[in-house]
Protein backbone atom coordinates (compact mmCIF):
# COMPACT_ATOMS: atom_id res chain seq x y z
CA UNK A 1 166.34 -73.48 2.66
CA UNK A 2 168.95 -72.55 0.39
CA UNK A 3 172.08 -71.27 1.77
CA UNK A 4 173.02 -67.97 0.15
CA UNK A 5 176.18 -66.19 1.13
CA UNK A 6 175.68 -62.38 0.94
CA UNK A 7 179.04 -61.43 2.45
CA UNK A 8 180.93 -60.93 -0.82
CA UNK A 9 178.07 -58.87 -2.19
CA UNK A 10 177.98 -56.71 0.91
CA UNK A 11 181.73 -56.32 0.76
CA UNK A 12 181.51 -55.17 -2.83
CA UNK A 13 178.70 -52.80 -1.93
CA UNK A 14 180.79 -51.31 0.89
CA UNK A 15 183.77 -50.94 -1.42
CA UNK A 16 181.57 -49.22 -3.93
CA UNK A 17 180.14 -46.85 -1.29
CA UNK A 18 183.68 -46.09 -0.04
CA UNK A 19 184.75 -45.23 -3.58
CA UNK A 20 181.69 -43.08 -4.02
CA UNK A 21 182.41 -41.39 -0.68
CA UNK A 22 186.03 -40.74 -1.64
CA UNK A 23 184.94 -39.41 -5.05
CA UNK A 24 182.30 -37.18 -3.46
CA UNK A 25 184.79 -36.09 -0.78
CA UNK A 26 187.38 -35.34 -3.46
CA UNK A 27 184.78 -33.47 -5.53
CA UNK A 28 183.70 -31.44 -2.49
CA UNK A 29 187.33 -30.73 -1.63
CA UNK A 30 188.08 -29.66 -5.22
CA UNK A 31 184.92 -27.58 -5.34
CA UNK A 32 185.79 -26.02 -1.96
CA UNK A 33 189.30 -25.26 -3.16
CA UNK A 34 187.88 -23.70 -6.34
CA UNK A 35 185.44 -21.60 -4.32
CA UNK A 36 188.20 -20.64 -1.85
CA UNK A 37 190.56 -19.74 -4.71
CA UNK A 38 187.84 -17.71 -6.41
CA UNK A 39 187.03 -15.96 -3.16
CA UNK A 40 190.74 -15.21 -2.57
CA UNK A 41 191.12 -13.80 -6.10
CA UNK A 42 187.97 -11.73 -5.71
CA UNK A 43 189.09 -10.34 -2.32
CA UNK A 44 192.61 -9.62 -3.63
CA UNK A 45 191.09 -7.99 -6.70
CA UNK A 46 188.93 -5.77 -4.47
CA UNK A 47 191.96 -4.92 -2.30
CA UNK A 48 194.01 -4.04 -5.39
CA UNK A 49 191.13 -1.99 -6.77
CA UNK A 50 190.83 -0.12 -3.46
CA UNK A 51 194.60 0.43 -3.36
CA UNK A 52 194.49 1.86 -6.88
CA UNK A 53 191.62 4.14 -5.82
CA UNK A 54 193.58 5.20 -2.74
CA UNK A 55 196.64 5.91 -4.89
CA UNK A 56 194.50 7.95 -7.28
CA UNK A 57 193.02 9.88 -4.37
CA UNK A 58 196.48 10.46 -2.91
CA UNK A 59 197.74 11.82 -6.23
CA UNK A 60 194.68 14.03 -6.64
CA UNK A 61 195.02 15.28 -3.04
CA UNK A 62 198.67 16.14 -3.74
CA UNK A 63 197.61 18.06 -6.86
CA UNK A 64 194.90 19.88 -4.90
CA UNK A 65 197.31 20.69 -2.07
CA UNK A 66 199.70 22.15 -4.62
CA UNK A 67 196.85 24.24 -6.04
CA UNK A 68 195.88 25.34 -2.51
CA UNK A 69 199.49 26.45 -1.92
CA UNK A 70 199.44 28.37 -5.21
CA UNK A 71 196.14 29.99 -4.19
CA UNK A 72 197.63 30.96 -0.82
CA UNK A 73 200.65 32.48 -2.58
CA UNK A 74 198.35 34.35 -4.97
CA UNK A 75 196.27 35.64 -2.06
CA UNK A 76 199.44 36.74 -0.29
CA UNK A 77 200.67 38.50 -3.45
CA UNK A 78 197.24 40.08 -3.86
CA UNK A 79 197.34 41.34 -0.27
CA UNK A 80 200.83 42.76 -0.85
CA UNK A 81 199.63 44.45 -4.02
CA UNK A 82 196.63 45.93 -2.18
CA UNK A 83 198.93 47.22 0.56
CA UNK A 84 201.23 48.76 -2.05
CA UNK A 85 198.25 50.32 -3.79
CA UNK A 86 197.11 51.82 -0.47
CA UNK A 87 200.58 53.24 0.13
CA UNK A 88 200.68 54.68 -3.38
CA UNK A 89 197.19 56.14 -3.00
CA UNK A 90 198.08 57.69 0.36
CA UNK A 91 201.25 59.15 -1.14
CA UNK A 92 199.28 60.53 -4.05
CA UNK A 93 196.71 61.97 -1.66
CA UNK A 94 199.50 63.54 0.45
CA UNK A 95 201.37 64.95 -2.54
CA UNK A 96 199.51 68.30 -2.43
CA UNK A 97 200.00 68.39 1.35
CA UNK A 98 203.80 68.34 0.97
CA UNK A 99 203.62 71.27 -1.42
CA UNK A 100 201.35 73.13 1.00
CA UNK A 101 203.74 72.42 3.89
CA UNK A 102 206.72 73.83 2.00
CA UNK A 103 204.68 76.79 0.81
CA UNK A 104 203.58 77.54 4.38
CA UNK A 105 207.17 77.23 5.61
CA UNK A 106 208.24 79.79 3.04
CA UNK A 107 205.41 82.13 4.04
CA UNK A 108 206.09 81.71 7.77
CA UNK A 109 209.87 82.07 7.62
CA UNK A 110 211.03 85.63 8.23
CA UNK A 111 214.10 87.05 6.51
CA UNK A 112 217.37 86.32 8.24
CA UNK A 113 216.54 82.65 8.90
CA UNK A 114 217.50 79.67 6.84
CA UNK A 115 217.12 75.94 7.42
CA UNK A 116 219.88 73.39 6.95
CA UNK A 117 217.99 70.28 7.97
CA UNK A 118 214.37 69.23 7.96
CA UNK A 119 212.96 65.84 9.02
CA UNK A 120 209.48 64.46 9.27
CA UNK A 121 208.19 61.58 11.36
CA UNK A 122 204.46 61.09 10.96
CA UNK A 123 202.88 64.43 11.85
CA UNK A 124 206.02 65.79 13.62
CA UNK A 125 208.53 67.98 11.78
CA UNK A 126 211.99 68.73 13.17
CA UNK A 127 213.95 71.73 11.87
CA UNK A 128 217.57 72.76 12.24
CA UNK A 129 218.54 76.20 11.05
CA UNK A 130 220.46 79.43 11.51
CA UNK A 131 219.11 82.84 12.44
CA UNK A 132 220.65 86.33 12.47
CA UNK A 133 219.19 86.93 15.95
CA UNK A 134 217.06 85.29 18.60
CA UNK A 135 214.29 87.78 17.79
CA UNK A 136 213.96 86.24 14.33
CA UNK A 137 213.58 82.78 15.92
CA UNK A 138 210.80 84.22 18.11
CA UNK A 139 209.10 85.71 15.06
CA UNK A 140 209.39 82.32 13.29
CA UNK A 141 207.75 80.54 16.22
CA UNK A 142 204.90 83.09 16.39
CA UNK A 143 204.27 82.81 12.65
CA UNK A 144 204.33 79.00 12.77
CA UNK A 145 201.88 79.07 15.68
CA UNK A 146 199.60 81.47 13.78
CA UNK A 147 199.67 79.27 10.69
CA UNK A 148 196.78 76.90 9.97
CA UNK A 149 199.20 74.22 8.82
CA UNK A 150 201.37 74.02 11.99
CA UNK A 151 200.68 73.47 15.68
CA UNK A 152 202.72 73.63 18.87
CA UNK A 153 206.15 74.95 17.78
CA UNK A 154 208.70 73.87 20.37
CA UNK A 155 212.22 75.28 20.47
CA UNK A 156 214.51 72.51 21.74
CA UNK A 157 217.96 74.04 21.35
CA UNK A 158 219.49 77.48 20.71
CA UNK A 159 223.21 78.16 20.72
CA UNK A 160 225.26 81.12 19.63
CA UNK A 161 226.89 80.80 16.20
CA UNK A 162 229.07 83.49 14.65
CA UNK A 163 228.34 82.33 11.09
CA UNK A 164 225.31 84.65 10.91
CA UNK A 165 226.94 87.61 12.66
CA UNK A 166 227.50 88.70 16.24
CA UNK A 167 223.94 87.87 17.32
CA UNK A 168 223.69 84.79 15.09
CA UNK A 169 222.46 81.50 16.49
CA UNK A 170 221.89 77.93 15.52
CA UNK A 171 218.54 76.51 16.60
CA UNK A 172 216.56 73.28 16.63
CA UNK A 173 212.80 73.43 16.51
CA UNK A 174 210.02 70.85 16.53
CA UNK A 175 206.56 71.58 15.18
CA UNK A 176 203.48 69.43 14.68
CA UNK A 177 201.51 69.45 11.48
CA UNK A 178 197.86 70.35 11.78
CA UNK A 179 195.19 67.83 10.84
CA UNK A 180 195.35 66.91 7.15
CA UNK A 181 192.91 68.70 4.90
CA UNK A 182 190.13 66.16 4.52
CA UNK A 183 187.96 66.30 1.43
CA UNK A 184 190.20 68.52 -0.74
CA UNK A 185 190.57 65.86 -3.40
CA UNK A 186 187.00 64.68 -2.91
CA UNK A 187 185.50 68.16 -3.37
CA UNK A 188 187.54 68.64 -6.54
CA UNK A 189 186.25 65.32 -7.86
CA UNK A 190 182.67 66.22 -6.96
CA UNK A 191 183.00 69.60 -8.70
CA UNK A 192 184.24 67.87 -11.86
CA UNK A 193 181.27 65.50 -11.83
């Protein structure tokens, strides 16, 4: 039999397979690095995109919060305006009442009495005045009590004062206003309609 030496051929074959393995390994490594780099860029791109969306949302939220604050201020101004309108309407509704109060004071005040001070707190009226005699103060209290406009006259202080004569006196009096006339303005409006 012929003697054939296959060792060099096998060695060459092994060398060739090693080269192929290294080339395939290098190709797989390069391909893996390319895939890993692509994945990294894609993930970073998604993160940047999400950050830009978050920034946009943050800016829009800030704009909306500013608008909400403006709306709150407008609502507060509106409420203040409504309160002012109510005050004005109540003052306009009470305007005839003030005239009626003064008119009734004039009608109820007997001669020989004059007032120097008048104050009102809610439905309470305080009066300071001078009278020629205590009898005139009594007449004033009776006439105020008989009036439809006034209730519960209460004399708080009487002291002698010579300015109005020998029997002259200075007095302080509190009186309550009767219930406000409800429906006066409404009945006038209904009559006009």
